[in-house]
Amino acid sequence: IEGPRGEVVTALRNLSGAGKVKCRQTE
């Protein structure tokens, strides 16, 4: 996903059915 990391992580965590969210930067 292209977007602000912190906001994206928070939004993904708040989705129904979502558990842990892991993230790594791309090039």
mmCIF file of all heavy atoms, coordinates in Angstrom:
data_MODEL
# 
_entry.id   MODEL 
# 
loop_
_atom_site.group_PDB 
_atom_site.id 
_atom_site.type_symbol 
_atom_site.label_atom_id 
_atom_site.label_alt_id 
_atom_site.label_comp_id 
_atom_site.label_asym_id 
_atom_site.label_entity_id 
_atom_site.label_seq_id 
_atom_site.pdbx_PDB_ins_code 
_atom_site.Cartn_x 
_atom_site.Cartn_y 
_atom_site.Cartn_z 
_atom_site.occupancy 
_atom_site.B_iso_or_equiv 
_atom_site.pdbx_formal_charge 
_atom_site.auth_seq_id 
_atom_site.auth_comp_id 
_atom_site.auth_asym_id 
_atom_site.auth_atom_id 
_atom_site.pdbx_PDB_model_num 
ATOM 1   N N   . ILE A 1 1  ? 0.839   -1.191  0.000  1.00 0.00 ? 1  ILE A N   1 
ATOM 2   C CA  . ILE A 1 1  ? 0.000   0.000   0.000  1.00 0.00 ? 1  ILE A CA  1 
ATOM 3   C C   . ILE A 1 1  ? 0.877   1.246   0.000  1.00 0.00 ? 1  ILE A C   1 
ATOM 4   O O   . ILE A 1 1  ? 1.871   1.323   0.730  1.00 0.00 ? 1  ILE A O   1 
ATOM 5   C CB  . ILE A 1 1  ? -0.924  0.027   1.246  1.00 0.00 ? 1  ILE A CB  1 
ATOM 6   C CG1 . ILE A 1 1  ? -1.850  -1.187  1.244  1.00 0.00 ? 1  ILE A CG1 1 
ATOM 7   C CG2 . ILE A 1 1  ? -1.727  1.323   1.305  1.00 0.00 ? 1  ILE A CG2 1 
ATOM 8   C CD1 . ILE A 1 1  ? -2.664  -1.343  2.512  1.00 0.00 ? 1  ILE A CD1 1 
ATOM 9   N N   . GLU A 1 2  ? 0.494   2.225   -0.813 1.00 0.00 ? 2  GLU A N   1 
ATOM 10  C CA  . GLU A 1 2  ? 1.156   3.528   -0.799 1.00 0.00 ? 2  GLU A CA  1 
ATOM 11  C C   . GLU A 1 2  ? 0.341   4.466   0.092  1.00 0.00 ? 2  GLU A C   1 
ATOM 12  O O   . GLU A 1 2  ? -0.837  4.720   -0.175 1.00 0.00 ? 2  GLU A O   1 
ATOM 13  C CB  . GLU A 1 2  ? 1.241   4.106   -2.216 1.00 0.00 ? 2  GLU A CB  1 
ATOM 14  C CG  . GLU A 1 2  ? 1.962   5.449   -2.276 1.00 0.00 ? 2  GLU A CG  1 
ATOM 15  C CD  . GLU A 1 2  ? 2.090   5.996   -3.684 1.00 0.00 ? 2  GLU A CD  1 
ATOM 16  O OE1 . GLU A 1 2  ? 1.790   5.238   -4.641 1.00 0.00 ? 2  GLU A OE1 1 
ATOM 17  O OE2 . GLU A 1 2  ? 2.474   7.168   -3.824 1.00 0.00 ? 2  GLU A OE2 1 
ATOM 18  N N   . GLY A 1 3  ? 0.991   4.937   1.159  1.00 0.00 ? 3  GLY A N   1 
ATOM 19  C CA  . GLY A 1 3  ? 0.279   5.806   2.086  1.00 0.00 ? 3  GLY A CA  1 
ATOM 20  C C   . GLY A 1 3  ? 1.049   5.985   3.376  1.00 0.00 ? 3  GLY A C   1 
ATOM 21  O O   . GLY A 1 3  ? 2.097   5.347   3.582  1.00 0.00 ? 3  GLY A O   1 
ATOM 22  N N   . PRO A 1 4  ? 0.571   6.828   4.287  1.00 0.00 ? 4  PRO A N   1 
ATOM 23  C CA  . PRO A 1 4  ? 1.269   7.091   5.558  1.00 0.00 ? 4  PRO A CA  1 
ATOM 24  C C   . PRO A 1 4  ? 1.284   5.848   6.445  1.00 0.00 ? 4  PRO A C   1 
ATOM 25  O O   . PRO A 1 4  ? 0.219   5.326   6.810  1.00 0.00 ? 4  PRO A O   1 
ATOM 26  C CB  . PRO A 1 4  ? 0.459   8.226   6.187  1.00 0.00 ? 4  PRO A CB  1 
ATOM 27  C CG  . PRO A 1 4  ? -0.883  8.147   5.543  1.00 0.00 ? 4  PRO A CG  1 
ATOM 28  C CD  . PRO A 1 4  ? -0.663  7.624   4.163  1.00 0.00 ? 4  PRO A CD  1 
ATOM 29  N N   . ARG A 1 5  ? 2.464   5.370   6.777  1.00 0.00 ? 5  ARG A N   1 
ATOM 30  C CA  . ARG A 1 5  ? 2.636   4.081   7.461  1.00 0.00 ? 5  ARG A CA  1 
ATOM 31  C C   . ARG A 1 5  ? 1.797   3.971   8.726  1.00 0.00 ? 5  ARG A C   1 
ATOM 32  O O   . ARG A 1 5  ? 1.069   2.993   8.923  1.00 0.00 ? 5  ARG A O   1 
ATOM 33  C CB  . ARG A 1 5  ? 4.121   3.895   7.784  1.00 0.00 ? 5  ARG A CB  1 
ATOM 34  C CG  . ARG A 1 5  ? 4.467   2.623   8.554  1.00 0.00 ? 5  ARG A CG  1 
ATOM 35  C CD  . ARG A 1 5  ? 5.981   2.574   8.768  1.00 0.00 ? 5  ARG A CD  1 
ATOM 36  N NE  . ARG A 1 5  ? 6.391   1.383   9.480  1.00 0.00 ? 5  ARG A NE  1 
ATOM 37  C CZ  . ARG A 1 5  ? 6.475   1.292   10.804 1.00 0.00 ? 5  ARG A CZ  1 
ATOM 38  N NH1 . ARG A 1 5  ? 6.130   2.329   11.559 1.00 0.00 ? 5  ARG A NH1 1 
ATOM 39  N NH2 . ARG A 1 5  ? 6.886   0.170   11.383 1.00 0.00 ? 5  ARG A NH2 1 
ATOM 40  N N   . GLY A 1 6  ? 1.897   4.960   9.600  1.00 0.00 ? 6  GLY A N   1 
ATOM 41  C CA  . GLY A 1 6  ? 1.192   4.900   10.870 1.00 0.00 ? 6  GLY A CA  1 
ATOM 42  C C   . GLY A 1 6  ? -0.316  4.825   10.710 1.00 0.00 ? 6  GLY A C   1 
ATOM 43  O O   . GLY A 1 6  ? -0.996  4.020   11.371 1.00 0.00 ? 6  GLY A O   1 
ATOM 44  N N   . GLU A 1 7  ? -0.856  5.637   9.812  1.00 0.00 ? 7  GLU A N   1 
ATOM 45  C CA  . GLU A 1 7  ? -2.304  5.641   9.585  1.00 0.00 ? 7  GLU A CA  1 
ATOM 46  C C   . GLU A 1 7  ? -2.770  4.319   8.977  1.00 0.00 ? 7  GLU A C   1 
ATOM 47  O O   . GLU A 1 7  ? -3.832  3.797   9.334  1.00 0.00 ? 7  GLU A O   1 
ATOM 48  C CB  . GLU A 1 7  ? -2.689  6.806   8.669  1.00 0.00 ? 7  GLU A CB  1 
ATOM 49  C CG  . GLU A 1 7  ? -2.506  8.188   9.295  1.00 0.00 ? 7  GLU A CG  1 
ATOM 50  C CD  . GLU A 1 7  ? -2.917  9.295   8.327  1.00 0.00 ? 7  GLU A CD  1 
ATOM 51  O OE1 . GLU A 1 7  ? -3.855  9.052   7.533  1.00 0.00 ? 7  GLU A OE1 1 
ATOM 52  O OE2 . GLU A 1 7  ? -2.290  10.369  8.357  1.00 0.00 ? 7  GLU A OE2 1 
ATOM 53  N N   . VAL A 1 8  ? -1.976  3.805   8.044  1.00 0.00 ? 8  VAL A N   1 
ATOM 54  C CA  . VAL A 1 8  ? -2.341  2.543   7.394  1.00 0.00 ? 8  VAL A CA  1 
ATOM 55  C C   . VAL A 1 8  ? -2.351  1.407   8.419  1.00 0.00 ? 8  VAL A C   1 
ATOM 56  O O   . VAL A 1 8  ? -3.289  0.593   8.461  1.00 0.00 ? 8  VAL A O   1 
ATOM 57  C CB  . VAL A 1 8  ? -1.391  2.220   6.229  1.00 0.00 ? 8  VAL A CB  1 
ATOM 58  C CG1 . VAL A 1 8  ? -1.686  0.840   5.653  1.00 0.00 ? 8  VAL A CG1 1 
ATOM 59  C CG2 . VAL A 1 8  ? -1.491  3.276   5.132  1.00 0.00 ? 8  VAL A CG2 1 
ATOM 60  N N   . VAL A 1 9  ? -1.319  1.342   9.263  1.00 0.00 ? 9  VAL A N   1 
ATOM 61  C CA  . VAL A 1 9  ? -1.242  0.280   10.275 1.00 0.00 ? 9  VAL A CA  1 
ATOM 62  C C   . VAL A 1 9  ? -2.450  0.334   11.204 1.00 0.00 ? 9  VAL A C   1 
ATOM 63  O O   . VAL A 1 9  ? -3.099  -0.687  11.486 1.00 0.00 ? 9  VAL A O   1 
ATOM 64  C CB  . VAL A 1 9  ? 0.067   0.395   11.084 1.00 0.00 ? 9  VAL A CB  1 
ATOM 65  C CG1 . VAL A 1 9  ? 0.024   -0.509  12.312 1.00 0.00 ? 9  VAL A CG1 1 
ATOM 66  C CG2 . VAL A 1 9  ? 1.265   0.040   10.219 1.00 0.00 ? 9  VAL A CG2 1 
ATOM 67  N N   . THR A 1 10 ? -2.771  1.542   11.694 1.00 0.00 ? 10 THR A N   1 
ATOM 68  C CA  . THR A 1 10 ? -3.916  1.693   12.599 1.00 0.00 ? 10 THR A CA  1 
ATOM 69  C C   . THR A 1 10 ? -5.216  1.259   11.934 1.00 0.00 ? 10 THR A C   1 
ATOM 70  O O   . THR A 1 10 ? -6.034  0.537   12.527 1.00 0.00 ? 10 THR A O   1 
ATOM 71  C CB  . THR A 1 10 ? -4.034  3.163   13.062 1.00 0.00 ? 10 THR A CB  1 
ATOM 72  O OG1 . THR A 1 10 ? -2.827  3.536   13.742 1.00 0.00 ? 10 THR A OG1 1 
ATOM 73  C CG2 . THR A 1 10 ? -5.213  3.334   14.005 1.00 0.00 ? 10 THR A CG2 1 
ATOM 74  N N   . ALA A 1 11 ? -5.410  1.682   10.687 1.00 0.00 ? 11 ALA A N   1 
ATOM 75  C CA  . ALA A 1 11 ? -6.638  1.337   9.965  1.00 0.00 ? 11 ALA A CA  1 
ATOM 76  C C   . ALA A 1 11 ? -6.739  -0.166  9.732  1.00 0.00 ? 11 ALA A C   1 
ATOM 77  O O   . ALA A 1 11 ? -7.828  -0.756  9.864  1.00 0.00 ? 11 ALA A O   1 
ATOM 78  C CB  . ALA A 1 11 ? -6.682  2.095   8.639  1.00 0.00 ? 11 ALA A CB  1 
ATOM 79  N N   . LEU A 1 12 ? -5.625  -0.805  9.372  1.00 0.00 ? 12 LEU A N   1 
ATOM 80  C CA  . LEU A 1 12 ? -5.644  -2.249  9.148  1.00 0.00 ? 12 LEU A CA  1 
ATOM 81  C C   . LEU A 1 12 ? -5.947  -3.012  10.430 1.00 0.00 ? 12 LEU A C   1 
ATOM 82  O O   . LEU A 1 12 ? -6.708  -3.991  10.430 1.00 0.00 ? 12 LEU A O   1 
ATOM 83  C CB  . LEU A 1 12 ? -4.296  -2.701  8.573  1.00 0.00 ? 12 LEU A CB  1 
ATOM 84  C CG  . LEU A 1 12 ? -3.976  -2.283  7.134  1.00 0.00 ? 12 LEU A CG  1 
ATOM 85  C CD1 . LEU A 1 12 ? -2.538  -2.648  6.775  1.00 0.00 ? 12 LEU A CD1 1 
ATOM 86  C CD2 . LEU A 1 12 ? -4.945  -2.914  6.135  1.00 0.00 ? 12 LEU A CD2 1 
ATOM 87  N N   . ARG A 1 13 ? -5.382  -2.549  11.541 1.00 0.00 ? 13 ARG A N   1 
ATOM 88  C CA  . ARG A 1 13 ? -5.627  -3.206  12.825 1.00 0.00 ? 13 ARG A CA  1 
ATOM 89  C C   . ARG A 1 13 ? -7.091  -3.116  13.240 1.00 0.00 ? 13 ARG A C   1 
ATOM 90  O O   . ARG A 1 13 ? -7.603  -3.995  13.933 1.00 0.00 ? 13 ARG A O   1 
ATOM 91  C CB  . ARG A 1 13 ? -4.754  -2.566  13.909 1.00 0.00 ? 13 ARG A CB  1 
ATOM 92  C CG  . ARG A 1 13 ? -3.315  -3.044  13.908 1.00 0.00 ? 13 ARG A CG  1 
ATOM 93  C CD  . ARG A 1 13 ? -2.528  -2.302  14.945 1.00 0.00 ? 13 ARG A CD  1 
ATOM 94  N NE  . ARG A 1 13 ? -1.179  -2.841  15.099 1.00 0.00 ? 13 ARG A NE  1 
ATOM 95  C CZ  . ARG A 1 13 ? -0.197  -2.216  15.738 1.00 0.00 ? 13 ARG A CZ  1 
ATOM 96  N NH1 . ARG A 1 13 ? -0.412  -1.010  16.256 1.00 0.00 ? 13 ARG A NH1 1 
ATOM 97  N NH2 . ARG A 1 13 ? 0.989   -2.770  15.845 1.00 0.00 ? 13 ARG A NH2 1 
ATOM 98  N N   . ASN A 1 14 ? -7.763  -2.042  12.840 1.00 0.00 ? 14 ASN A N   1 
ATOM 99  C CA  . ASN A 1 14 ? -9.149  -1.819  13.249 1.00 0.00 ? 14 ASN A CA  1 
ATOM 100 C C   . ASN A 1 14 ? -10.174 -2.535  12.367 1.00 0.00 ? 14 ASN A C   1 
ATOM 101 O O   . ASN A 1 14 ? -11.365 -2.482  12.650 1.00 0.00 ? 14 ASN A O   1 
ATOM 102 C CB  . ASN A 1 14 ? -9.453  -0.309  13.245 1.00 0.00 ? 14 ASN A CB  1 
ATOM 103 C CG  . ASN A 1 14 ? -8.744  0.417   14.388 1.00 0.00 ? 14 ASN A CG  1 
ATOM 104 O OD1 . ASN A 1 14 ? -8.447  -0.188  15.418 1.00 0.00 ? 14 ASN A OD1 1 
ATOM 105 N ND2 . ASN A 1 14 ? -8.449  1.693   14.198 1.00 0.00 ? 14 ASN A ND2 1 
ATOM 106 N N   . LEU A 1 15 ? -9.701  -3.187  11.317 1.00 0.00 ? 15 LEU A N   1 
ATOM 107 C CA  . LEU A 1 15 ? -10.621 -3.927  10.460 1.00 0.00 ? 15 LEU A CA  1 
ATOM 108 C C   . LEU A 1 15 ? -11.192 -5.133  11.202 1.00 0.00 ? 15 LEU A C   1 
ATOM 109 O O   . LEU A 1 15 ? -10.493 -5.786  11.989 1.00 0.00 ? 15 LEU A O   1 
ATOM 110 C CB  . LEU A 1 15 ? -9.906  -4.410  9.200  1.00 0.00 ? 15 LEU A CB  1 
ATOM 111 C CG  . LEU A 1 15 ? -9.601  -3.366  8.121  1.00 0.00 ? 15 LEU A CG  1 
ATOM 112 C CD1 . LEU A 1 15 ? -8.759  -3.998  7.017  1.00 0.00 ? 15 LEU A CD1 1 
ATOM 113 C CD2 . LEU A 1 15 ? -10.885 -2.781  7.538  1.00 0.00 ? 15 LEU A CD2 1 
ATOM 114 N N   . SER A 1 16 ? -12.435 -5.453  10.937 1.00 0.00 ? 16 SER A N   1 
ATOM 115 C CA  . SER A 1 16 ? -13.067 -6.620  11.543 1.00 0.00 ? 16 SER A CA  1 
ATOM 116 C C   . SER A 1 16 ? -12.355 -7.893  11.071 1.00 0.00 ? 16 SER A C   1 
ATOM 117 O O   . SER A 1 16 ? -12.145 -8.094  9.878  1.00 0.00 ? 16 SER A O   1 
ATOM 118 C CB  . SER A 1 16 ? -14.544 -6.669  11.132 1.00 0.00 ? 16 SER A CB  1 
ATOM 119 O OG  . SER A 1 16 ? -15.139 -7.866  11.593 1.00 0.00 ? 16 SER A OG  1 
ATOM 120 N N   . GLY A 1 17 ? -11.955 -8.715  12.019 1.00 0.00 ? 17 GLY A N   1 
ATOM 121 C CA  . GLY A 1 17 ? -11.287 -9.973  11.689 1.00 0.00 ? 17 GLY A CA  1 
ATOM 122 C C   . GLY A 1 17 ? -9.779  -9.886  11.606 1.00 0.00 ? 17 GLY A C   1 
ATOM 123 O O   . GLY A 1 17 ? -9.106  -10.891 11.406 1.00 0.00 ? 17 GLY A O   1 
ATOM 124 N N   . ALA A 1 18 ? -9.233  -8.673  11.756 1.00 0.00 ? 18 ALA A N   1 
ATOM 125 C CA  . ALA A 1 18 ? -7.781  -8.503  11.658 1.00 0.00 ? 18 ALA A CA  1 
ATOM 126 C C   . ALA A 1 18 ? -7.105  -8.794  12.989 1.00 0.00 ? 18 ALA A C   1 
ATOM 127 O O   . ALA A 1 18 ? -7.619  -8.430  14.057 1.00 0.00 ? 18 ALA A O   1 
ATOM 128 C CB  . ALA A 1 18 ? -7.443  -7.088  11.214 1.00 0.00 ? 18 ALA A CB  1 
ATOM 129 N N   . GLY A 1 19 ? -5.969  -9.449  12.931 1.00 0.00 ? 19 GLY A N   1 
ATOM 130 C CA  . GLY A 1 19 ? -5.158  -9.683  14.115 1.00 0.00 ? 19 GLY A CA  1 
ATOM 131 C C   . GLY A 1 19 ? -3.913  -8.814  14.070 1.00 0.00 ? 19 GLY A C   1 
ATOM 132 O O   . GLY A 1 19 ? -3.992  -7.618  13.800 1.00 0.00 ? 19 GLY A O   1 
ATOM 133 N N   . LYS A 1 20 ? -2.751  -9.440  14.257 1.00 0.00 ? 20 LYS A N   1 
ATOM 134 C CA  . LYS A 1 20 ? -1.496  -8.696  14.248 1.00 0.00 ? 20 LYS A CA  1 
ATOM 135 C C   . LYS A 1 20 ? -1.171  -8.183  12.848 1.00 0.00 ? 20 LYS A C   1 
ATOM 136 O O   . LYS A 1 20 ? -1.444  -8.860  11.849 1.00 0.00 ? 20 LYS A O   1 
ATOM 137 C CB  . LYS A 1 20 ? -0.365  -9.601  14.746 1.00 0.00 ? 20 LYS A CB  1 
ATOM 138 C CG  . LYS A 1 20 ? 0.950   -8.885  15.004 1.00 0.00 ? 20 LYS A CG  1 
ATOM 139 C CD  . LYS A 1 20 ? 1.959   -9.833  15.631 1.00 0.00 ? 20 LYS A CD  1 
ATOM 140 C CE  . LYS A 1 20 ? 3.261   -9.115  15.959 1.00 0.00 ? 20 LYS A CE  1 
ATOM 141 N NZ  . LYS A 1 20 ? 4.262   -10.030 16.565 1.00 0.00 ? 20 LYS A NZ  1 
ATOM 142 N N   . VAL A 1 21 ? -0.591  -6.984  12.778 1.00 0.00 ? 21 VAL A N   1 
ATOM 143 C CA  . VAL A 1 21 ? -0.181  -6.393  11.507 1.00 0.00 ? 21 VAL A CA  1 
ATOM 144 C C   . VAL A 1 21 ? 1.334   -6.237  11.516 1.00 0.00 ? 21 VAL A C   1 
ATOM 145 O O   . VAL A 1 21 ? 1.895   -5.653  12.448 1.00 0.00 ? 21 VAL A O   1 
ATOM 146 C CB  . VAL A 1 21 ? -0.854  -5.021  11.270 1.00 0.00 ? 21 VAL A CB  1 
ATOM 147 C CG1 . VAL A 1 21 ? -0.331  -4.392  9.975  1.00 0.00 ? 21 VAL A CG1 1 
ATOM 148 C CG2 . VAL A 1 21 ? -2.365  -5.164  11.220 1.00 0.00 ? 21 VAL A CG2 1 
ATOM 149 N N   . LYS A 1 22 ? 1.977   -6.777  10.483 1.00 0.00 ? 22 LYS A N   1 
ATOM 150 C CA  . LYS A 1 22 ? 3.430   -6.659  10.360 1.00 0.00 ? 22 LYS A CA  1 
ATOM 151 C C   . LYS A 1 22 ? 3.748   -5.815  9.137  1.00 0.00 ? 22 LYS A C   1 
ATOM 152 O O   . LYS A 1 22 ? 3.027   -5.844  8.142  1.00 0.00 ? 22 LYS A O   1 
ATOM 153 C CB  . LYS A 1 22 ? 4.076   -8.043  10.233 1.00 0.00 ? 22 LYS A CB  1 
ATOM 154 C CG  . LYS A 1 22 ? 3.757   -8.954  11.410 1.00 0.00 ? 22 LYS A CG  1 
ATOM 155 C CD  . LYS A 1 22 ? 4.327   -10.337 11.211 1.00 0.00 ? 22 LYS A CD  1 
ATOM 156 C CE  . LYS A 1 22 ? 3.955   -11.255 12.368 1.00 0.00 ? 22 LYS A CE  1 
ATOM 157 N NZ  . LYS A 1 22 ? 4.515   -12.609 12.191 1.00 0.00 ? 22 LYS A NZ  1 
ATOM 158 N N   . CYS A 1 23 ? 4.829   -5.063  9.219  1.00 0.00 ? 23 CYS A N   1 
ATOM 159 C CA  . CYS A 1 23 ? 5.122   -4.093  8.159  1.00 0.00 ? 23 CYS A CA  1 
ATOM 160 C C   . CYS A 1 23 ? 6.599   -4.092  7.824  1.00 0.00 ? 23 CYS A C   1 
ATOM 161 O O   . CYS A 1 23 ? 7.450   -4.254  8.710  1.00 0.00 ? 23 CYS A O   1 
ATOM 162 C CB  . CYS A 1 23 ? 4.686   -2.699  8.634  1.00 0.00 ? 23 CYS A CB  1 
ATOM 163 S SG  . CYS A 1 23 ? 5.200   -1.341  7.577  1.00 0.00 ? 23 CYS A SG  1 
ATOM 164 N N   . ARG A 1 24 ? 6.911   -3.912  6.557  1.00 0.00 ? 24 ARG A N   1 
ATOM 165 C CA  . ARG A 1 24 ? 8.303   -3.677  6.167  1.00 0.00 ? 24 ARG A CA  1 
ATOM 166 C C   . ARG A 1 24 ? 8.333   -2.704  4.995  1.00 0.00 ? 24 ARG A C   1 
ATOM 167 O O   . ARG A 1 24 ? 7.443   -2.690  4.141  1.00 0.00 ? 24 ARG A O   1 
ATOM 168 C CB  . ARG A 1 24 ? 9.030   -4.977  5.816  1.00 0.00 ? 24 ARG A CB  1 
ATOM 169 C CG  . ARG A 1 24 ? 8.620   -5.656  4.545  1.00 0.00 ? 24 ARG A CG  1 
ATOM 170 C CD  . ARG A 1 24 ? 9.405   -6.947  4.370  1.00 0.00 ? 24 ARG A CD  1 
ATOM 171 N NE  . ARG A 1 24 ? 9.093   -7.622  3.137  1.00 0.00 ? 24 ARG A NE  1 
ATOM 172 C CZ  . ARG A 1 24 ? 9.745   -7.421  1.992  1.00 0.00 ? 24 ARG A CZ  1 
ATOM 173 N NH1 . ARG A 1 24 ? 10.743  -6.544  1.949  1.00 0.00 ? 24 ARG A NH1 1 
ATOM 174 N NH2 . ARG A 1 24 ? 9.421   -8.096  0.906  1.00 0.00 ? 24 ARG A NH2 1 
ATOM 175 N N   . GLN A 1 25 ? 9.386   -1.873  4.979  1.00 0.00 ? 25 GLN A N   1 
ATOM 176 C CA  . GLN A 1 25 ? 9.510   -0.853  3.941  1.00 0.00 ? 25 GLN A CA  1 
ATOM 177 C C   . GLN A 1 25 ? 9.977   -1.477  2.634  1.00 0.00 ? 25 GLN A C   1 
ATOM 178 O O   . GLN A 1 25 ? 10.727  -2.454  2.621  1.00 0.00 ? 25 GLN A O   1 
ATOM 179 C CB  . GLN A 1 25 ? 10.488  0.231   4.383  1.00 0.00 ? 25 GLN A CB  1 
ATOM 180 C CG  . GLN A 1 25 ? 10.483  1.458   3.489  1.00 0.00 ? 25 GLN A CG  1 
ATOM 181 C CD  . GLN A 1 25 ? 11.235  2.615   4.120  1.00 0.00 ? 25 GLN A CD  1 
ATOM 182 O OE1 . GLN A 1 25 ? 11.941  2.445   5.092  1.00 0.00 ? 25 GLN A OE1 1 
ATOM 183 N NE2 . GLN A 1 25 ? 11.078  3.806   3.553  1.00 0.00 ? 25 GLN A NE2 1 
ATOM 184 N N   . THR A 1 26 ? 9.535   -0.924  1.531  1.00 0.00 ? 26 THR A N   1 
ATOM 185 C CA  . THR A 1 26 ? 9.978   -1.360  0.212  1.00 0.00 ? 26 THR A CA  1 
ATOM 186 C C   . THR A 1 26 ? 10.985  -0.347  -0.332 1.00 0.00 ? 26 THR A C   1 
ATOM 187 O O   . THR A 1 26 ? 11.327  0.632   0.334  1.00 0.00 ? 26 THR A O   1 
ATOM 188 C CB  . THR A 1 26 ? 8.792   -1.476  -0.764 1.00 0.00 ? 26 THR A CB  1 
ATOM 189 O OG1 . THR A 1 26 ? 8.287   -0.165  -1.044 1.00 0.00 ? 26 THR A OG1 1 
ATOM 190 C CG2 . THR A 1 26 ? 7.683   -2.333  -0.160 1.00 0.00 ? 26 THR A CG2 1 
ATOM 191 N N   . GLU A 1 27 ? 11.439  -0.585  -1.555 1.00 0.00 ? 27 GLU A N   1 
ATOM 192 C CA  . GLU A 1 27 ? 12.396  0.337   -2.163 1.00 0.00 ? 27 GLU A CA  1 
ATOM 193 C C   . GLU A 1 27 ? 11.729  1.624   -2.645 1.00 0.00 ? 27 GLU A C   1 
ATOM 194 O O   . GLU A 1 27 ? 12.400  2.619   -2.908 1.00 0.00 ? 27 GLU A O   1 
ATOM 195 C CB  . GLU A 1 27 ? 13.100  -0.352  -3.341 1.00 0.00 ? 27 GLU A CB  1 
ATOM 196 C CG  . GLU A 1 27 ? 13.961  -1.538  -2.915 1.00 0.00 ? 27 GLU A CG  1 
ATOM 197 C CD  . GLU A 1 27 ? 14.587  -2.250  -4.091 1.00 0.00 ? 27 GLU A CD  1 
ATOM 198 O OE1 . GLU A 1 27 ? 14.274  -1.866  -5.241 1.00 0.00 ? 27 GLU A OE1 1 
ATOM 199 O OE2 . GLU A 1 27 ? 15.386  -3.173  -3.873 1.00 0.00 ? 27 GLU A OE2 1 
# 
